[in-house]
Amino acid sequence: MRKFAVVIAVVALQVAAVAGPAAAVKPRRGCAPPFILMTREALRATVPQVPEDAFNQIFNAIDKNRDDQVCVKQQPTFTNAVDNTSNAR
């Protein structure tokens, strides 16, 4: 039983050693294809039928880093938008 506890502790330390630096990586900004980078104003111009208050609430919920830019993929029946900050390398 003691040997099992030592193995678990070693594995936990290895996971913590790898996860620590990965979490510290500065997020990269940009959009992966097929998304395009759009400002708040540019996206707003594409959906004039949406009330201003509703648009601002939705945009603010998506724009996590508050830089007024999001990545957008236009679909025939909807628009898919995500924040332009990613930890992907």
N, C-alpha and C. Protein backbone atom coordinates (compact mmCIF):
# COMPACT_ATOMS: atom_id res chain seq x y z
N MET A 1 0.82 -1.19 0.00
CA MET A 1 0.00 0.00 0.00
C MET A 1 0.86 1.26 0.00
N ARG A 2 1.96 1.23 0.74
CA ARG A 2 2.86 2.38 0.82
C ARG A 2 3.49 2.63 -0.55
N LYS A 3 3.83 1.57 -1.25
CA LYS A 3 4.44 1.71 -2.58
C LYS A 3 3.45 2.38 -3.54
N PHE A 4 2.19 2.03 -3.45
CA PHE A 4 1.14 2.63 -4.29
C PHE A 4 1.02 4.13 -4.01
N ALA A 5 1.06 4.50 -2.74
CA ALA A 5 0.97 5.92 -2.37
C ALA A 5 2.16 6.70 -2.90
N VAL A 6 3.34 6.12 -2.90
CA VAL A 6 4.54 6.78 -3.43
C VAL A 6 4.40 6.97 -4.95
N VAL A 7 3.90 5.97 -5.64
CA VAL A 7 3.70 6.07 -7.09
C VAL A 7 2.71 7.18 -7.41
N ILE A 8 1.62 7.24 -6.68
CA ILE A 8 0.61 8.28 -6.90
C ILE A 8 1.23 9.67 -6.66
N ALA A 9 2.02 9.81 -5.61
CA ALA A 9 2.64 11.09 -5.29
C ALA A 9 3.61 11.52 -6.39
N VAL A 10 4.40 10.58 -6.90
CA VAL A 10 5.35 10.89 -7.98
C VAL A 10 4.61 11.31 -9.24
N VAL A 11 3.56 10.61 -9.59
CA VAL A 11 2.78 10.96 -10.78
C VAL A 11 2.14 12.34 -10.61
N ALA A 12 1.62 12.63 -9.43
CA ALA A 12 1.01 13.94 -9.18
C ALA A 12 2.04 15.05 -9.30
N LEU A 13 3.24 14.84 -8.82
CA LEU A 13 4.29 15.86 -8.93
C LEU A 13 4.70 16.08 -10.38
N GLN A 14 4.75 15.01 -11.16
CA GLN A 14 5.11 15.15 -12.57
C GLN A 14 4.04 15.92 -13.33
N VAL A 15 2.79 15.64 -13.05
CA VAL A 15 1.69 16.36 -13.70
C VAL A 15 1.73 17.83 -13.32
N ALA A 16 1.98 18.13 -12.06
CA ALA A 16 2.05 19.52 -11.60
C ALA A 16 3.22 20.24 -12.24
N ALA A 17 4.33 19.56 -12.43
CA ALA A 17 5.51 20.18 -13.04
C ALA A 17 5.26 20.54 -14.50
N VAL A 18 4.50 19.72 -15.20
CA VAL A 18 4.19 19.99 -16.61
C VAL A 18 3.07 21.02 -16.74
N ALA A 19 2.06 20.95 -15.90
CA ALA A 19 0.91 21.85 -16.00
C ALA A 19 1.26 23.27 -15.60
N GLY A 20 2.17 23.46 -14.67
CA GLY A 20 2.54 24.80 -14.21
C GLY A 20 3.02 25.70 -15.34
N PRO A 21 4.08 25.32 -16.06
CA PRO A 21 4.55 26.17 -17.16
C PRO A 21 3.53 26.33 -18.29
N ALA A 22 2.76 25.31 -18.55
CA ALA A 22 1.76 25.41 -19.61
C ALA A 22 0.70 26.45 -19.29
N ALA A 23 0.33 26.54 -18.03
CA ALA A 23 -0.67 27.52 -17.64
C ALA A 23 -0.11 28.94 -17.68
N ALA A 24 1.21 29.07 -17.60
CA ALA A 24 1.83 30.40 -17.58
C ALA A 24 2.08 30.97 -18.99
N VAL A 25 1.83 30.18 -20.03
CA VAL A 25 2.06 30.64 -21.40
C VAL A 25 1.11 31.79 -21.71
N LYS A 26 1.67 32.88 -22.23
CA LYS A 26 0.85 34.04 -22.57
C LYS A 26 -0.06 33.69 -23.74
N PRO A 27 -1.35 34.02 -23.62
CA PRO A 27 -2.27 33.71 -24.71
C PRO A 27 -1.88 34.41 -26.01
N ARG A 28 -2.14 33.75 -27.10
CA ARG A 28 -1.86 34.28 -28.43
C ARG A 28 -3.16 34.82 -29.00
N ARG A 29 -3.08 35.92 -29.72
CA ARG A 29 -4.28 36.51 -30.31
C ARG A 29 -4.32 36.22 -31.80
N GLY A 30 -5.51 36.08 -32.30
CA GLY A 30 -5.70 35.82 -33.72
C GLY A 30 -6.83 34.83 -33.93
N CYS A 31 -7.10 34.55 -35.18
CA CYS A 31 -8.20 33.65 -35.53
C CYS A 31 -7.70 32.50 -36.40
N ALA A 32 -8.14 31.32 -36.07
CA ALA A 32 -7.83 30.15 -36.89
C ALA A 32 -8.80 30.10 -38.06
N PRO A 33 -8.33 29.68 -39.24
CA PRO A 33 -9.26 29.55 -40.37
C PRO A 33 -10.35 28.54 -40.02
N PRO A 34 -11.54 28.75 -40.41
CA PRO A 34 -12.11 29.73 -41.34
C PRO A 34 -12.66 30.98 -40.65
N PHE A 35 -12.28 31.23 -39.39
CA PHE A 35 -12.74 32.42 -38.68
C PHE A 35 -12.00 33.66 -39.17
N ILE A 36 -12.67 34.81 -39.11
CA ILE A 36 -12.05 36.07 -39.47
C ILE A 36 -12.13 37.02 -38.28
N LEU A 37 -11.13 37.87 -38.13
CA LEU A 37 -11.10 38.83 -37.04
C LEU A 37 -12.01 40.01 -37.37
N MET A 38 -12.88 40.34 -36.43
CA MET A 38 -13.79 41.47 -36.62
C MET A 38 -13.83 42.33 -35.36
N THR A 39 -13.91 43.63 -35.56
CA THR A 39 -14.08 44.55 -34.44
C THR A 39 -15.55 44.58 -34.04
N ARG A 40 -15.80 45.18 -32.89
CA ARG A 40 -17.18 45.34 -32.42
C ARG A 40 -18.02 46.07 -33.48
N GLU A 41 -17.48 47.18 -34.01
CA GLU A 41 -18.22 47.99 -34.98
C GLU A 41 -18.49 47.22 -36.27
N ALA A 42 -17.50 46.48 -36.75
CA ALA A 42 -17.68 45.73 -37.99
C ALA A 42 -18.74 44.63 -37.83
N LEU A 43 -18.70 43.93 -36.70
CA LEU A 43 -19.69 42.88 -36.47
C LEU A 43 -21.07 43.49 -36.28
N ARG A 44 -21.13 44.62 -35.59
CA ARG A 44 -22.42 45.29 -35.37
C ARG A 44 -23.07 45.65 -36.70
N ALA A 45 -22.29 46.07 -37.67
CA ALA A 45 -22.81 46.45 -38.99
C ALA A 45 -23.44 45.27 -39.73
N THR A 46 -23.03 44.04 -39.38
CA THR A 46 -23.57 42.86 -40.07
C THR A 46 -24.91 42.40 -39.50
N VAL A 47 -25.27 42.90 -38.31
CA VAL A 47 -26.52 42.48 -37.66
C VAL A 47 -27.33 43.69 -37.20
N PRO A 48 -27.74 44.55 -38.12
CA PRO A 48 -28.46 45.77 -37.72
C PRO A 48 -29.83 45.48 -37.09
N GLN A 49 -30.38 44.30 -37.34
CA GLN A 49 -31.70 43.97 -36.80
C GLN A 49 -31.67 43.64 -35.31
N VAL A 50 -30.49 43.39 -34.75
CA VAL A 50 -30.37 43.06 -33.33
C VAL A 50 -30.35 44.36 -32.52
N PRO A 51 -31.19 44.48 -31.49
CA PRO A 51 -31.18 45.69 -30.67
C PRO A 51 -29.80 45.96 -30.06
N GLU A 52 -29.45 47.22 -29.94
CA GLU A 52 -28.12 47.62 -29.46
C GLU A 52 -27.78 47.02 -28.10
N ASP A 53 -28.70 47.07 -27.15
CA ASP A 53 -28.44 46.51 -25.82
C ASP A 53 -28.16 45.01 -25.87
N ALA A 54 -28.95 44.29 -26.64
CA ALA A 54 -28.76 42.84 -26.77
C ALA A 54 -27.42 42.53 -27.42
N PHE A 55 -27.09 43.27 -28.47
CA PHE A 55 -25.80 43.05 -29.14
C PHE A 55 -24.65 43.27 -28.17
N ASN A 56 -24.69 44.35 -27.40
CA ASN A 56 -23.60 44.65 -26.46
C ASN A 56 -23.47 43.59 -25.38
N GLN A 57 -24.57 43.08 -24.88
CA GLN A 57 -24.52 42.02 -23.87
C GLN A 57 -23.88 40.76 -24.43
N ILE A 58 -24.29 40.38 -25.63
CA ILE A 58 -23.74 39.18 -26.26
C ILE A 58 -22.26 39.37 -26.57
N PHE A 59 -21.92 40.52 -27.17
CA PHE A 59 -20.52 40.77 -27.53
C PHE A 59 -19.63 40.76 -26.29
N ASN A 60 -20.06 41.42 -25.22
CA ASN A 60 -19.26 41.46 -24.00
C ASN A 60 -19.09 40.08 -23.37
N ALA A 61 -20.06 39.21 -23.51
CA ALA A 61 -19.95 37.85 -23.00
C ALA A 61 -18.91 37.04 -23.78
N ILE A 62 -18.75 37.34 -25.06
CA ILE A 62 -17.80 36.62 -25.92
C ILE A 62 -16.40 37.19 -25.79
N ASP A 63 -16.29 38.51 -25.74
CA ASP A 63 -14.99 39.20 -25.74
C ASP A 63 -14.38 39.18 -24.34
N LYS A 64 -13.76 38.06 -23.98
CA LYS A 64 -13.23 37.86 -22.63
C LYS A 64 -12.09 38.81 -22.28
N ASN A 65 -11.25 39.18 -23.25
CA ASN A 65 -10.10 40.03 -22.95
C ASN A 65 -10.39 41.52 -23.17
N ARG A 66 -11.61 41.85 -23.51
CA ARG A 66 -12.07 43.25 -23.63
C ARG A 66 -11.24 44.10 -24.59
N ASP A 67 -10.85 43.51 -25.73
CA ASP A 67 -10.11 44.29 -26.72
C ASP A 67 -10.99 44.70 -27.90
N ASP A 68 -12.30 44.46 -27.79
CA ASP A 68 -13.27 44.80 -28.83
C ASP A 68 -12.99 44.11 -30.16
N GLN A 69 -12.44 42.89 -30.10
CA GLN A 69 -12.21 42.08 -31.29
C GLN A 69 -12.61 40.64 -30.99
N VAL A 70 -13.26 40.01 -31.97
CA VAL A 70 -13.64 38.61 -31.85
C VAL A 70 -13.38 37.90 -33.17
N CYS A 71 -13.33 36.59 -33.13
CA CYS A 71 -13.20 35.79 -34.34
C CYS A 71 -14.60 35.33 -34.74
N VAL A 72 -14.92 35.51 -36.02
CA VAL A 72 -16.28 35.26 -36.49
C VAL A 72 -16.26 34.32 -37.68
N LYS A 73 -17.22 33.40 -37.68
CA LYS A 73 -17.44 32.50 -38.82
C LYS A 73 -18.91 32.64 -39.20
N GLN A 74 -19.17 33.17 -40.37
CA GLN A 74 -20.54 33.36 -40.85
C GLN A 74 -21.09 32.03 -41.36
N GLN A 75 -22.27 31.68 -40.90
CA GLN A 75 -23.00 30.50 -41.36
C GLN A 75 -24.25 30.99 -42.09
N PRO A 76 -24.87 30.14 -42.88
CA PRO A 76 -26.08 30.59 -43.58
C PRO A 76 -27.20 31.04 -42.65
N THR A 77 -27.33 30.39 -41.50
CA THR A 77 -28.45 30.73 -40.62
C THR A 77 -28.04 31.36 -39.29
N PHE A 78 -26.74 31.44 -39.01
CA PHE A 78 -26.28 32.04 -37.75
C PHE A 78 -24.82 32.48 -37.89
N THR A 79 -24.37 33.23 -36.90
CA THR A 79 -22.98 33.67 -36.86
C THR A 79 -22.33 33.07 -35.63
N ASN A 80 -21.18 32.42 -35.82
CA ASN A 80 -20.43 31.82 -34.73
C ASN A 80 -19.29 32.76 -34.36
N ALA A 81 -19.25 33.23 -33.11
CA ALA A 81 -18.20 34.15 -32.69
C ALA A 81 -17.54 33.62 -31.42
N VAL A 82 -16.21 33.75 -31.37
CA VAL A 82 -15.42 33.37 -30.20
C VAL A 82 -14.39 34.45 -29.93
N ASP A 83 -13.85 34.49 -28.73
CA ASP A 83 -12.83 35.49 -28.41
C ASP A 83 -11.57 35.22 -29.23
N ASN A 84 -10.81 36.25 -29.48
CA ASN A 84 -9.60 36.13 -30.32
C ASN A 84 -8.36 35.79 -29.51
N THR A 85 -8.51 35.34 -28.29
CA THR A 85 -7.37 34.95 -27.47
C THR A 85 -7.40 33.45 -27.27
N SER A 86 -6.26 32.80 -27.51
CA SER A 86 -6.18 31.36 -27.39
C SER A 86 -4.83 30.97 -26.80
N ASN A 87 -4.80 29.88 -26.06
CA ASN A 87 -3.54 29.34 -25.57
C ASN A 87 -2.93 28.35 -26.55
N ALA A 88 -3.60 28.10 -27.66
CA ALA A 88 -3.08 27.17 -28.66
C ALA A 88 -1.81 27.72 -29.29
N ARG A 89 -0.87 26.87 -29.58
CA ARG A 89 0.39 27.30 -30.21
C ARG A 89 0.53 26.71 -31.56
